[in-house]
Amino acid sequence: MSKLTYKDYWFNYVVDEEPEKIKELIHEEYISSQGIKIHLDIFDTKEKDLDKTIIFCHGTSVYSRFYAEWLYNLYKKRFRVVALDLPGHGLSGGKRGHFNMKLLSKAIYDVNTWVIENYGHRNAIMGSSLGGINALYSAAFDDDRLFGAVCHNAAIFNEKAYQKIIEMNLKLKLLLPFIPVAAKIAPKAQFSVFLYLDFYRLCKTERFSKRIPLLLDDEILADKYTTTAIRTQMKAPLAKPIEKIKTPVMIINGEKDVLFSKDYMEEIYNRLTCPNKKLEIIEDASHLIFQENISVCLEKIVPWLNNIL
């Protein structure tokens, strides 16, 4: 795929803002983590006078600019945003769809190190879907340096979270018991994410559901995950027990999210003992709240971030 195509294709995911204006704002950087090139999209003023930075992690298969409109709106609320493409996704290096949670947590840690060196310490992690889970795992992994974590969705993988957040169709029921062994024998063998993820069911509004076919045709969508990547989403523990995380955590979720139930989010939230913890359920919203419910999410998240940063 040409760089020009990449730069323009994500315009399809911008609904209300002017994508050209967002494109003009974004500054790109690359850093290295564990020998892998990590692509960063940076939303910042020309004067670089913003004093609060949000590190953002995207969800399954996609890349940072799938959330460009949301990130632009965060920027307009006076937050610098540093959005990474996770290893094996987007414009970052690494085998497509091949990762484990330790690799991702260390990549985010290295991004935070770069942010601290370039912009200072007033930083929070935020993520959506798998990125929300990464935000929680980062709060445990980088507990002494992060000021806060905003988790759109959360899960604890080594507590059989997969049984709660994916629909167990027959193919999946037959496949999953063999994944741990398969990951040892053929760690880079790939399976389609569509085995457990139906992108059409993730949105609620017609105006964004029309964009799903465009997403599925996106040439840099990582639509296959390796056995290693699937296994880590079945087995990976937090770096410390959730009850011992000190970083303030907000969990935000759609009331009608087809993957992450309100009950499961409440279960995780109730185990948190960190200060300033917060749970927000967006009424009548589905999974793609950072695409379909931007104004409401800003109302819930921005005051909390301003309080903890």
C-alpha atoms as a PDB file:
ATOM      1  CA  MET A   1       0.000   0.000   0.000  1.00  0.00           C
ATOM      2  CA  SER A   2       1.359   3.460  -0.849  1.00  0.00           C
ATOM      3  CA  LYS A   3       1.843   5.986   1.906  1.00  0.00           C
ATOM      4  CA  LEU A   4      -0.570   8.324   0.107  1.00  0.00           C
ATOM      5  CA  THR A   5      -3.305   5.688   0.228  1.00  0.00           C
ATOM      6  CA  TYR A   6      -2.721   5.177   3.956  1.00  0.00           C
ATOM      7  CA  LYS A   7      -2.822   8.902   4.604  1.00  0.00           C
ATOM      8  CA  ASP A   8      -6.167   9.281   2.874  1.00  0.00           C
ATOM      9  CA  TYR A   9      -8.029   6.003   3.467  1.00  0.00           C
ATOM     10  CA  TRP A  10      -8.664   6.701   7.154  1.00  0.00           C
ATOM     11  CA  PHE A  11     -10.727   9.709   6.091  1.00  0.00           C
ATOM     12  CA  ASN A  12     -13.527   7.144   5.753  1.00  0.00           C
ATOM     13  CA  TYR A  13     -13.707   6.867   9.547  1.00  0.00           C
ATOM     14  CA  VAL A  14     -14.146  10.615  10.163  1.00  0.00           C
ATOM     15  CA  VAL A  15     -17.828  11.528  10.342  1.00  0.00           C
ATOM     16  CA  ASP A  16     -18.270  15.098  11.623  1.00  0.00           C
ATOM     17  CA  GLU A  17     -14.848  16.751  11.525  1.00  0.00           C
ATOM     18  CA  GLU A  18     -12.836  17.796   8.465  1.00  0.00           C
ATOM     19  CA  PRO A  19     -10.281  15.028   7.877  1.00  0.00           C
ATOM     20  CA  GLU A  20      -7.926  17.341   5.980  1.00  0.00           C
ATOM     21  CA  LYS A  21      -7.706  19.571   9.048  1.00  0.00           C
ATOM     22  CA  ILE A  22      -6.849  16.555  11.218  1.00  0.00           C
ATOM     23  CA  LYS A  23      -4.271  15.389   8.676  1.00  0.00           C
ATOM     24  CA  GLU A  24      -2.559  18.793   8.729  1.00  0.00           C
ATOM     25  CA  LEU A  25      -2.315  18.635  12.524  1.00  0.00           C
ATOM     26  CA  ILE A  26      -0.869  15.134  12.930  1.00  0.00           C
ATOM     27  CA  HIS A  27       2.888  14.816  13.274  1.00  0.00           C
ATOM     28  CA  GLU A  28       4.383  11.345  12.827  1.00  0.00           C
ATOM     29  CA  GLU A  29       7.307   9.831  14.696  1.00  0.00           C
ATOM     30  CA  TYR A  30       8.884   6.388  14.952  1.00  0.00           C
ATOM     31  CA  ILE A  31      10.561   4.946  18.018  1.00  0.00           C
ATOM     32  CA  SER A  32      12.103   1.545  18.646  1.00  0.00           C
ATOM     33  CA  SER A  33      10.833  -0.949  21.186  1.00  0.00           C
ATOM     34  CA  GLN A  34      12.302  -4.437  21.587  1.00  0.00           C
ATOM     35  CA  GLY A  35      13.811  -4.123  18.119  1.00  0.00           C
ATOM     36  CA  ILE A  36      10.437  -3.234  16.569  1.00  0.00           C
ATOM     37  CA  LYS A  37       9.666   0.087  14.879  1.00  0.00           C
ATOM     38  CA  ILE A  38       6.659   1.736  16.563  1.00  0.00           C
ATOM     39  CA  HIS A  39       4.647   4.317  14.633  1.00  0.00           C
ATOM     40  CA  LEU A  40       3.264   7.296  16.563  1.00  0.00           C
ATOM     41  CA  ASP A  41       0.634   9.843  15.554  1.00  0.00           C
ATOM     42  CA  ILE A  42       1.058  13.023  17.593  1.00  0.00           C
ATOM     43  CA  PHE A  43      -1.701  15.602  18.018  1.00  0.00           C
ATOM     44  CA  ASP A  44      -0.049  18.747  19.353  1.00  0.00           C
ATOM     45  CA  THR A  45       0.032  22.520  18.977  1.00  0.00           C
ATOM     46  CA  LYS A  46       2.770  24.173  16.920  1.00  0.00           C
ATOM     47  CA  GLU A  47       3.883  25.896  20.103  1.00  0.00           C
ATOM     48  CA  LYS A  48       3.992  22.558  21.967  1.00  0.00           C
ATOM     49  CA  ASP A  49       2.465  24.330  24.955  1.00  0.00           C
ATOM     50  CA  LEU A  50       0.126  21.551  26.112  1.00  0.00           C
ATOM     51  CA  ASP A  51       1.118  20.160  29.506  1.00  0.00           C
ATOM     52  CA  LYS A  52      -1.003  16.992  29.634  1.00  0.00           C
ATOM     53  CA  THR A  53      -0.409  13.996  27.385  1.00  0.00           C
ATOM     54  CA  ILE A  54      -2.677  11.066  26.598  1.00  0.00           C
ATOM     55  CA  ILE A  55      -1.063   7.911  25.240  1.00  0.00           C
ATOM     56  CA  PHE A  56      -3.720   6.135  23.182  1.00  0.00           C
ATOM     57  CA  CYS A  57      -3.991   2.444  22.249  1.00  0.00           C
ATOM     58  CA  HIS A  58      -6.274   1.227  19.468  1.00  0.00           C
ATOM     59  CA  GLY A  59      -8.407  -1.906  19.444  1.00  0.00           C
ATOM     60  CA  THR A  60      -8.270  -5.295  17.726  1.00  0.00           C
ATOM     61  CA  SER A  61      -7.020  -5.322  14.125  1.00  0.00           C
ATOM     62  CA  VAL A  62      -7.250  -1.565  13.549  1.00  0.00           C
ATOM     63  CA  TYR A  63      -4.671   1.228  13.982  1.00  0.00           C
ATOM     64  CA  SER A  64      -4.532   4.648  15.595  1.00  0.00           C
ATOM     65  CA  ARG A  65      -6.204   6.628  12.806  1.00  0.00           C
ATOM     66  CA  PHE A  66      -9.361   4.556  13.048  1.00  0.00           C
ATOM     67  CA  TYR A  67      -9.860   6.800  16.114  1.00  0.00           C
ATOM     68  CA  ALA A  68      -8.607  10.029  14.471  1.00  0.00           C
ATOM     69  CA  GLU A  69     -11.842  11.934  15.056  1.00  0.00           C
ATOM     70  CA  TRP A  70     -11.947  10.995  18.738  1.00  0.00           C
ATOM     71  CA  LEU A  71      -8.279  11.869  19.203  1.00  0.00           C
ATOM     72  CA  TYR A  72      -8.755  15.204  17.474  1.00  0.00           C
ATOM     73  CA  ASN A  73     -11.591  16.013  19.867  1.00  0.00           C
ATOM     74  CA  LEU A  74      -9.377  15.144  22.840  1.00  0.00           C
ATOM     75  CA  TYR A  75      -6.746  17.469  21.409  1.00  0.00           C
ATOM     76  CA  LYS A  76      -9.348  20.251  21.151  1.00  0.00           C
ATOM     77  CA  LYS A  77      -9.879  19.818  24.910  1.00  0.00           C
ATOM     78  CA  ARG A  78      -6.210  20.785  25.441  1.00  0.00           C
ATOM     79  CA  PHE A  79      -4.628  17.357  25.669  1.00  0.00           C
ATOM     80  CA  ARG A  80      -1.607  16.366  23.660  1.00  0.00           C
ATOM     81  CA  VAL A  81      -2.276  12.927  22.195  1.00  0.00           C
ATOM     82  CA  VAL A  82       0.379  10.370  21.308  1.00  0.00           C
ATOM     83  CA  ALA A  83      -1.357   7.451  19.578  1.00  0.00           C
ATOM     84  CA  LEU A  84       0.686   4.377  18.755  1.00  0.00           C
ATOM     85  CA  ASP A  85       0.132   1.585  16.311  1.00  0.00           C
ATOM     86  CA  LEU A  86       0.730  -1.517  18.409  1.00  0.00           C
ATOM     87  CA  PRO A  87       3.414  -3.972  17.223  1.00  0.00           C
ATOM     88  CA  GLY A  88       2.054  -5.966  14.289  1.00  0.00           C
ATOM     89  CA  HIS A  89      -0.573  -3.320  13.474  1.00  0.00           C
ATOM     90  CA  GLY A  90      -0.892  -0.245  11.285  1.00  0.00           C
ATOM     91  CA  LEU A  91       2.440   1.267  10.281  1.00  0.00           C
ATOM     92  CA  SER A  92       4.393  -0.310  13.129  1.00  0.00           C
ATOM     93  CA  GLY A  93       6.826  -3.140  12.541  1.00  0.00           C
ATOM     94  CA  GLY A  94       6.587  -6.732  13.603  1.00  0.00           C
ATOM     95  CA  LYS A  95       4.745  -9.638  12.031  1.00  0.00           C
ATOM     96  CA  ARG A  96       1.129  -8.709  11.348  1.00  0.00           C
ATOM     97  CA  GLY A  97      -1.168  -9.772  14.178  1.00  0.00           C
ATOM     98  CA  HIS A  98       1.647 -11.424  16.145  1.00  0.00           C
ATOM     99  CA  PHE A  99       2.112 -10.332  19.766  1.00  0.00           C
ATOM    100  CA  ASN A 100       1.702 -11.175  23.403  1.00  0.00           C
ATOM    101  CA  MET A 101       0.630  -8.909  26.240  1.00  0.00           C
ATOM    102  CA  LYS A 102       4.180  -8.547  27.606  1.00  0.00           C
ATOM    103  CA  LEU A 103       5.328  -7.281  24.209  1.00  0.00           C
ATOM    104  CA  LEU A 104       2.456  -4.779  24.065  1.00  0.00           C
ATOM    105  CA  SER A 105       2.917  -3.592  27.660  1.00  0.00           C
ATOM    106  CA  LYS A 106       6.643  -3.047  27.086  1.00  0.00           C
ATOM    107  CA  ALA A 107       5.943  -1.179  23.824  1.00  0.00           C
ATOM    108  CA  ILE A 108       3.537   1.141  25.654  1.00  0.00           C
ATOM    109  CA  TYR A 109       6.090   1.528  28.468  1.00  0.00           C
ATOM    110  CA  ASP A 110       8.698   2.575  25.904  1.00  0.00           C
ATOM    111  CA  VAL A 111       6.276   5.062  24.359  1.00  0.00           C
ATOM    112  CA  ASN A 112       5.688   6.521  27.820  1.00  0.00           C
ATOM    113  CA  THR A 113       9.441   6.795  28.326  1.00  0.00           C
ATOM    114  CA  TRP A 114       9.698   8.714  25.041  1.00  0.00           C
ATOM    115  CA  VAL A 115       6.781  10.950  26.056  1.00  0.00           C
ATOM    116  CA  ILE A 116       8.348  11.692  29.459  1.00  0.00           C
ATOM    117  CA  GLU A 117      11.685  12.553  27.841  1.00  0.00           C
ATOM    118  CA  ASN A 118      10.069  14.854  25.284  1.00  0.00           C
ATOM    119  CA  TYR A 119       7.056  16.336  27.059  1.00  0.00           C
ATOM    120  CA  GLY A 120       7.189  15.629  30.788  1.00  0.00           C
ATOM    121  CA  HIS A 121       5.533  13.367  33.340  1.00  0.00           C
ATOM    122  CA  ARG A 122       1.860  14.425  33.323  1.00  0.00           C
ATOM    123  CA  ASN A 123       0.682  11.467  31.274  1.00  0.00           C
ATOM    124  CA  ALA A 124      -2.246   9.063  31.234  1.00  0.00           C
ATOM    125  CA  ILE A 125      -2.919   5.959  29.178  1.00  0.00           C
ATOM    126  CA  MET A 126      -6.186   5.491  27.308  1.00  0.00           C
ATOM    127  CA  GLY A 127      -7.381   2.698  25.074  1.00  0.00           C
ATOM    128  CA  SER A 128     -10.407   1.210  23.371  1.00  0.00           C
ATOM    129  CA  SER A 129     -11.486  -2.448  23.207  1.00  0.00           C
ATOM    130  CA  LEU A 130      -8.228  -4.467  23.198  1.00  0.00           C
ATOM    131  CA  GLY A 131      -6.590  -1.079  23.717  1.00  0.00           C
ATOM    132  CA  GLY A 132      -8.703  -0.554  26.833  1.00  0.00           C
ATOM    133  CA  ILE A 133      -7.438  -3.863  28.149  1.00  0.00           C
ATOM    134  CA  ASN A 134      -3.917  -2.707  27.275  1.00  0.00           C
ATOM    135  CA  ALA A 135      -4.549   0.444  29.291  1.00  0.00           C
ATOM    136  CA  LEU A 136      -5.435  -1.662  32.340  1.00  0.00           C
ATOM    137  CA  TYR A 137      -2.409  -3.921  31.809  1.00  0.00           C
ATOM    138  CA  SER A 138      -0.205  -0.826  31.443  1.00  0.00           C
ATOM    139  CA  ALA A 139      -1.543   0.572  34.715  1.00  0.00           C
ATOM    140  CA  ALA A 140      -0.262  -2.596  36.353  1.00  0.00           C
ATOM    141  CA  PHE A 141       3.002  -2.720  34.340  1.00  0.00           C
ATOM    142  CA  ASP A 142       3.919   0.994  34.622  1.00  0.00           C
ATOM    143  CA  ASP A 143       2.171   1.777  37.888  1.00  0.00           C
ATOM    144  CA  ASP A 144       4.762   4.219  39.226  1.00  0.00           C
ATOM    145  CA  ARG A 145       4.840   6.565  36.214  1.00  0.00           C
ATOM    146  CA  LEU A 146       1.302   6.851  34.871  1.00  0.00           C
ATOM    147  CA  PHE A 147      -1.044   9.449  36.357  1.00  0.00           C
ATOM    148  CA  GLY A 148      -4.155   7.614  35.194  1.00  0.00           C
ATOM    149  CA  ALA A 149      -5.700   5.003  32.905  1.00  0.00           C
ATOM    150  CA  VAL A 150      -8.922   5.329  30.908  1.00  0.00           C
ATOM    151  CA  CYS A 151     -10.103   1.890  29.887  1.00  0.00           C
ATOM    152  CA  HIS A 152     -12.857   1.696  27.303  1.00  0.00           C
ATOM    153  CA  ASN A 153     -13.516  -1.939  28.148  1.00  0.00           C
ATOM    154  CA  ALA A 154     -11.411  -3.987  30.537  1.00  0.00           C
ATOM    155  CA  ALA A 155     -10.599  -7.633  31.057  1.00  0.00           C
ATOM    156  CA  ILE A 156      -8.223  -9.898  32.977  1.00  0.00           C
ATOM    157  CA  PHE A 157      -7.159 -12.534  30.512  1.00  0.00           C
ATOM    158  CA  ASN A 158      -5.858 -15.230  32.871  1.00  0.00           C
ATOM    159  CA  GLU A 159      -9.249 -15.328  34.614  1.00  0.00           C
ATOM    160  CA  LYS A 160     -11.002 -16.802  31.566  1.00  0.00           C
ATOM    161  CA  ALA A 161     -12.161 -13.403  30.377  1.00  0.00           C
ATOM    162  CA  TYR A 162     -12.519 -14.760  26.837  1.00  0.00           C
ATOM    163  CA  GLN A 163     -15.531 -16.747  27.986  1.00  0.00           C
ATOM    164  CA  LYS A 164     -17.222 -13.480  28.953  1.00  0.00           C
ATOM    165  CA  ILE A 165     -16.278 -11.178  26.078  1.00  0.00           C
ATOM    166  CA  ILE A 166     -16.651 -13.278  22.931  1.00  0.00           C
ATOM    167  CA  GLU A 167     -19.526 -15.285  21.551  1.00  0.00           C
ATOM    168  CA  MET A 168     -18.597 -18.951  21.597  1.00  0.00           C
ATOM    169  CA  ASN A 169     -19.766 -20.257  18.234  1.00  0.00           C
ATOM    170  CA  LEU A 170     -19.215 -23.925  17.369  1.00  0.00           C
ATOM    171  CA  LYS A 171     -15.969 -23.335  15.444  1.00  0.00           C
ATOM    172  CA  LEU A 172     -14.530 -21.382  18.338  1.00  0.00           C
ATOM    173  CA  LYS A 173     -15.599 -23.955  20.927  1.00  0.00           C
ATOM    174  CA  LEU A 174     -13.772 -26.621  18.941  1.00  0.00           C
ATOM    175  CA  LEU A 175     -10.687 -24.476  18.296  1.00  0.00           C
ATOM    176  CA  LEU A 176      -9.922 -22.764  21.607  1.00  0.00           C
ATOM    177  CA  PRO A 177      -8.901 -25.837  23.647  1.00  0.00           C
ATOM    178  CA  PHE A 178      -6.102 -26.461  21.133  1.00  0.00           C
ATOM    179  CA  ILE A 179      -4.758 -22.881  21.038  1.00  0.00           C
ATOM    180  CA  PRO A 180      -2.268 -23.168  23.969  1.00  0.00           C
ATOM    181  CA  VAL A 181      -0.631 -26.237  22.399  1.00  0.00           C
ATOM    182  CA  ALA A 182      -0.831 -24.781  18.889  1.00  0.00           C
ATOM    183  CA  ALA A 183       0.920 -21.617  20.102  1.00  0.00           C
ATOM    184  CA  LYS A 184       3.893 -23.745  21.178  1.00  0.00           C
ATOM    185  CA  ILE A 185       4.024 -25.876  18.035  1.00  0.00           C
ATOM    186  CA  ALA A 186       3.174 -23.199  15.453  1.00  0.00           C
ATOM    187  CA  PRO A 187       3.372 -19.819  17.254  1.00  0.00           C
ATOM    188  CA  LYS A 188       2.956 -17.781  14.054  1.00  0.00           C
ATOM    189  CA  ALA A 189       0.108 -19.751  12.485  1.00  0.00           C
ATOM    190  CA  GLN A 190      -2.736 -17.349  11.762  1.00  0.00           C
ATOM    191  CA  PHE A 191      -6.492 -17.339  12.213  1.00  0.00           C
ATOM    192  CA  SER A 192      -9.000 -14.783  11.020  1.00  0.00           C
ATOM    193  CA  VAL A 193     -10.223 -12.440  13.762  1.00  0.00           C
ATOM    194  CA  PHE A 194     -13.653 -12.797  12.172  1.00  0.00           C
ATOM    195  CA  LEU A 195     -13.883 -16.171  13.915  1.00  0.00           C
ATOM    196  CA  TYR A 196     -14.749 -14.274  17.080  1.00  0.00           C
ATOM    197  CA  LEU A 197     -15.373 -10.684  16.027  1.00  0.00           C
ATOM    198  CA  ASP A 198     -18.256  -9.441  13.871  1.00  0.00           C
ATOM    199  CA  PHE A 199     -17.496  -5.797  13.097  1.00  0.00           C
ATOM    200  CA  TYR A 200     -21.044  -5.176  11.863  1.00  0.00           C
ATOM    201  CA  ARG A 201     -22.444  -5.905  15.323  1.00  0.00           C
ATOM    202  CA  LEU A 202     -20.106  -3.472  17.060  1.00  0.00           C
ATOM    203  CA  CYS A 203     -21.849  -0.283  15.944  1.00  0.00           C
ATOM    204  CA  LYS A 204     -25.328   1.024  16.639  1.00  0.00           C
ATOM    205  CA  THR A 205     -25.780   3.992  14.313  1.00  0.00           C
ATOM    206  CA  GLU A 206     -26.521   3.690  10.631  1.00  0.00           C
ATOM    207  CA  ARG A 207     -24.061   6.400   9.671  1.00  0.00           C
ATOM    208  CA  PHE A 208     -21.138   4.447  11.113  1.00  0.00           C
ATOM    209  CA  SER A 209     -22.367   0.993  10.118  1.00  0.00           C
ATOM    210  CA  LYS A 210     -22.092   2.216   6.518  1.00  0.00           C
ATOM    211  CA  ARG A 211     -18.349   2.536   7.106  1.00  0.00           C
ATOM    212  CA  ILE A 212     -17.800  -1.064   8.190  1.00  0.00           C
ATOM    213  CA  PRO A 213     -17.434  -2.408   4.608  1.00  0.00           C
ATOM    214  CA  LEU A 214     -14.773   0.258   4.072  1.00  0.00           C
ATOM    215  CA  LEU A 215     -13.005  -0.858   7.239  1.00  0.00           C
ATOM    216  CA  LEU A 216     -13.037  -4.483   6.107  1.00  0.00           C
ATOM    217  CA  ASP A 217     -11.424  -3.407   2.826  1.00  0.00           C
ATOM    218  CA  ASP A 218      -8.705  -1.398   4.584  1.00  0.00           C
ATOM    219  CA  GLU A 219      -5.415  -2.811   3.323  1.00  0.00           C
ATOM    220  CA  ILE A 220      -3.590  -2.319   6.613  1.00  0.00           C
ATOM    221  CA  LEU A 221      -6.268  -3.910   8.780  1.00  0.00           C
ATOM    222  CA  ALA A 222      -4.578  -6.737  10.708  1.00  0.00           C
ATOM    223  CA  ASP A 223      -7.435  -9.170  10.162  1.00  0.00           C
ATOM    224  CA  LYS A 224      -5.481 -12.303  11.105  1.00  0.00           C
ATOM    225  CA  TYR A 225      -4.000 -12.993  14.534  1.00  0.00           C
ATOM    226  CA  THR A 226      -1.448 -15.674  15.303  1.00  0.00           C
ATOM    227  CA  THR A 227      -1.939 -18.499  17.773  1.00  0.00           C
ATOM    228  CA  THR A 228       0.433 -16.595  20.070  1.00  0.00           C
ATOM    229  CA  ALA A 229      -1.795 -13.517  19.976  1.00  0.00           C
ATOM    230  CA  ILE A 230      -4.914 -15.576  20.632  1.00  0.00           C
ATOM    231  CA  ARG A 231      -3.264 -17.523  23.448  1.00  0.00           C
ATOM    232  CA  THR A 232      -2.129 -14.365  25.242  1.00  0.00           C
ATOM    233  CA  GLN A 233      -5.760 -13.189  25.255  1.00  0.00           C
ATOM    234  CA  MET A 234      -6.632 -16.414  27.055  1.00  0.00           C
ATOM    235  CA  LYS A 235      -3.749 -16.665  29.522  1.00  0.00           C
ATOM    236  CA  ALA A 236      -1.826 -13.411  30.146  1.00  0.00           C
ATOM    237  CA  PRO A 237      -1.886 -12.155  33.760  1.00  0.00           C
ATOM    238  CA  LEU A 238      -1.639  -8.561  34.905  1.00  0.00           C
ATOM    239  CA  ALA A 239       1.823  -7.521  36.080  1.00  0.00           C
ATOM    240  CA  LYS A 240       0.337  -7.229  39.583  1.00  0.00           C
ATOM    241  CA  PRO A 241      -3.053  -8.127  41.072  1.00  0.00           C
ATOM    242  CA  ILE A 242      -5.753  -5.659  40.095  1.00  0.00           C
ATOM    243  CA  GLU A 243      -6.363  -4.941  43.776  1.00  0.00           C
ATOM    244  CA  LYS A 244      -2.782  -3.587  44.070  1.00  0.00           C
ATOM    245  CA  ILE A 245      -2.862  -1.133  41.152  1.00  0.00           C
ATOM    246  CA  LYS A 246      -2.228   2.399  42.471  1.00  0.00           C
ATOM    247  CA  THR A 247      -2.780   4.288  39.201  1.00  0.00           C
ATOM    248  CA  PRO A 248      -6.257   5.881  39.112  1.00  0.00           C
ATOM    249  CA  VAL A 249      -8.441   3.921  36.683  1.00  0.00           C
ATOM    250  CA  MET A 250     -11.599   4.918  34.858  1.00  0.00           C
ATOM    251  CA  ILE A 251     -13.606   2.198  33.108  1.00  0.00           C
ATOM    252  CA  ILE A 252     -16.057   3.394  30.483  1.00  0.00           C
ATOM    253  CA  ASN A 253     -18.417   1.128  28.578  1.00  0.00           C
ATOM    254  CA  GLY A 254     -21.468   1.187  26.366  1.00  0.00           C
ATOM    255  CA  GLU A 255     -24.651   0.016  28.060  1.00  0.00           C
ATOM    256  CA  LYS A 256     -25.439  -2.248  25.091  1.00  0.00           C
ATOM    257  CA  ASP A 257     -21.895  -3.317  24.229  1.00  0.00           C
ATOM    258  CA  VAL A 258     -22.194  -6.715  22.530  1.00  0.00           C
ATOM    259  CA  LEU A 259     -18.755  -7.830  23.760  1.00  0.00           C
ATOM    260  CA  PHE A 260     -18.150  -6.317  27.187  1.00  0.00           C
ATOM    261  CA  SER A 261     -21.111  -6.516  29.524  1.00  0.00           C
ATOM    262  CA  LYS A 262     -21.976  -3.933  32.154  1.00  0.00           C
ATOM    263  CA  ASP A 263     -21.900  -6.701  34.786  1.00  0.00           C
ATOM    264  CA  TYR A 264     -18.353  -7.716  33.872  1.00  0.00           C
ATOM    265  CA  MET A 265     -17.152  -4.095  33.958  1.00  0.00           C
ATOM    266  CA  GLU A 266     -18.729  -3.659  37.389  1.00  0.00           C
ATOM    267  CA  GLU A 267     -17.045  -6.854  38.572  1.00  0.00           C
ATOM    268  CA  ILE A 268     -13.604  -5.519  37.585  1.00  0.00           C
ATOM    269  CA  TYR A 269     -14.336  -2.018  38.881  1.00  0.00           C
ATOM    270  CA  ASN A 270     -15.364  -3.325  42.289  1.00  0.00           C
ATOM    271  CA  ARG A 271     -11.971  -5.028  42.705  1.00  0.00           C
ATOM    272  CA  LEU A 272     -10.040  -1.820  42.084  1.00  0.00           C
ATOM    273  CA  THR A 273      -8.665  -0.141  45.216  1.00  0.00           C
ATOM    274  CA  CYS A 274      -6.867   2.746  43.480  1.00  0.00           C
ATOM    275  CA  PRO A 275      -7.757   6.359  44.318  1.00  0.00           C
ATOM    276  CA  ASN A 276     -10.182   8.283  42.092  1.00  0.00           C
ATOM    277  CA  LYS A 277     -11.498   5.144  40.431  1.00  0.00           C
ATOM    278  CA  LYS A 278     -14.519   5.724  38.227  1.00  0.00           C
ATOM    279  CA  LEU A 279     -17.036   3.651  36.290  1.00  0.00           C
ATOM    280  CA  GLU A 280     -19.088   5.239  33.513  1.00  0.00           C
ATOM    281  CA  ILE A 281     -21.766   3.397  31.520  1.00  0.00           C
ATOM    282  CA  ILE A 282     -22.872   5.228  28.376  1.00  0.00           C
ATOM    283  CA  GLU A 283     -26.632   4.848  28.073  1.00  0.00           C
ATOM    284  CA  ASP A 284     -27.967   3.066  24.968  1.00  0.00           C
ATOM    285  CA  ALA A 285     -24.467   2.871  23.438  1.00  0.00           C
ATOM    286  CA  SER A 286     -22.824  -0.156  21.843  1.00  0.00           C
ATOM    287  CA  HIS A 287     -19.139  -0.985  21.407  1.00  0.00           C
ATOM    288  CA  LEU A 288     -17.806   1.834  19.223  1.00  0.00           C
ATOM    289  CA  ILE A 289     -18.370   4.658  21.696  1.00  0.00           C
ATOM    290  CA  PHE A 290     -15.292   6.599  20.553  1.00  0.00           C
ATOM    291  CA  GLN A 291     -16.807   6.744  17.059  1.00  0.00           C
ATOM    292  CA  GLU A 292     -20.531   7.009  17.793  1.00  0.00           C
ATOM    293  CA  ASN A 293     -20.728   8.789  21.172  1.00  0.00           C
ATOM    294  CA  ILE A 294     -17.900  11.310  21.097  1.00  0.00           C
ATOM    295  CA  SER A 295     -19.681  14.197  22.845  1.00  0.00           C
ATOM    296  CA  VAL A 296     -20.953  12.059  25.722  1.00  0.00           C
ATOM    297  CA  CYS A 297     -17.569  10.389  26.184  1.00  0.00           C
ATOM    298  CA  LEU A 298     -15.851  13.774  26.330  1.00  0.00           C
ATOM    299  CA  GLU A 299     -18.310  14.901  29.006  1.00  0.00           C
ATOM    300  CA  LYS A 300     -17.513  11.832  31.110  1.00  0.00           C
ATOM    301  CA  ILE A 301     -13.757  11.547  30.543  1.00  0.00           C
ATOM    302  CA  VAL A 302     -12.361  15.090  30.305  1.00  0.00           C
ATOM    303  CA  PRO A 303     -13.289  16.294  33.847  1.00  0.00           C
ATOM    304  CA  TRP A 304     -11.840  13.103  35.319  1.00  0.00           C
ATOM    305  CA  LEU A 305      -8.599  13.507  33.370  1.00  0.00           C
ATOM    306  CA  ASN A 306      -8.289  17.150  34.369  1.00  0.00           C
ATOM    307  CA  ASN A 307      -8.719  16.119  37.986  1.00  0.00           C
ATOM    308  CA  ILE A 308      -6.031  13.431  38.020  1.00  0.00           C
ATOM    309  CA  LEU A 309      -3.498  15.116  35.719  1.00  0.00           C
END
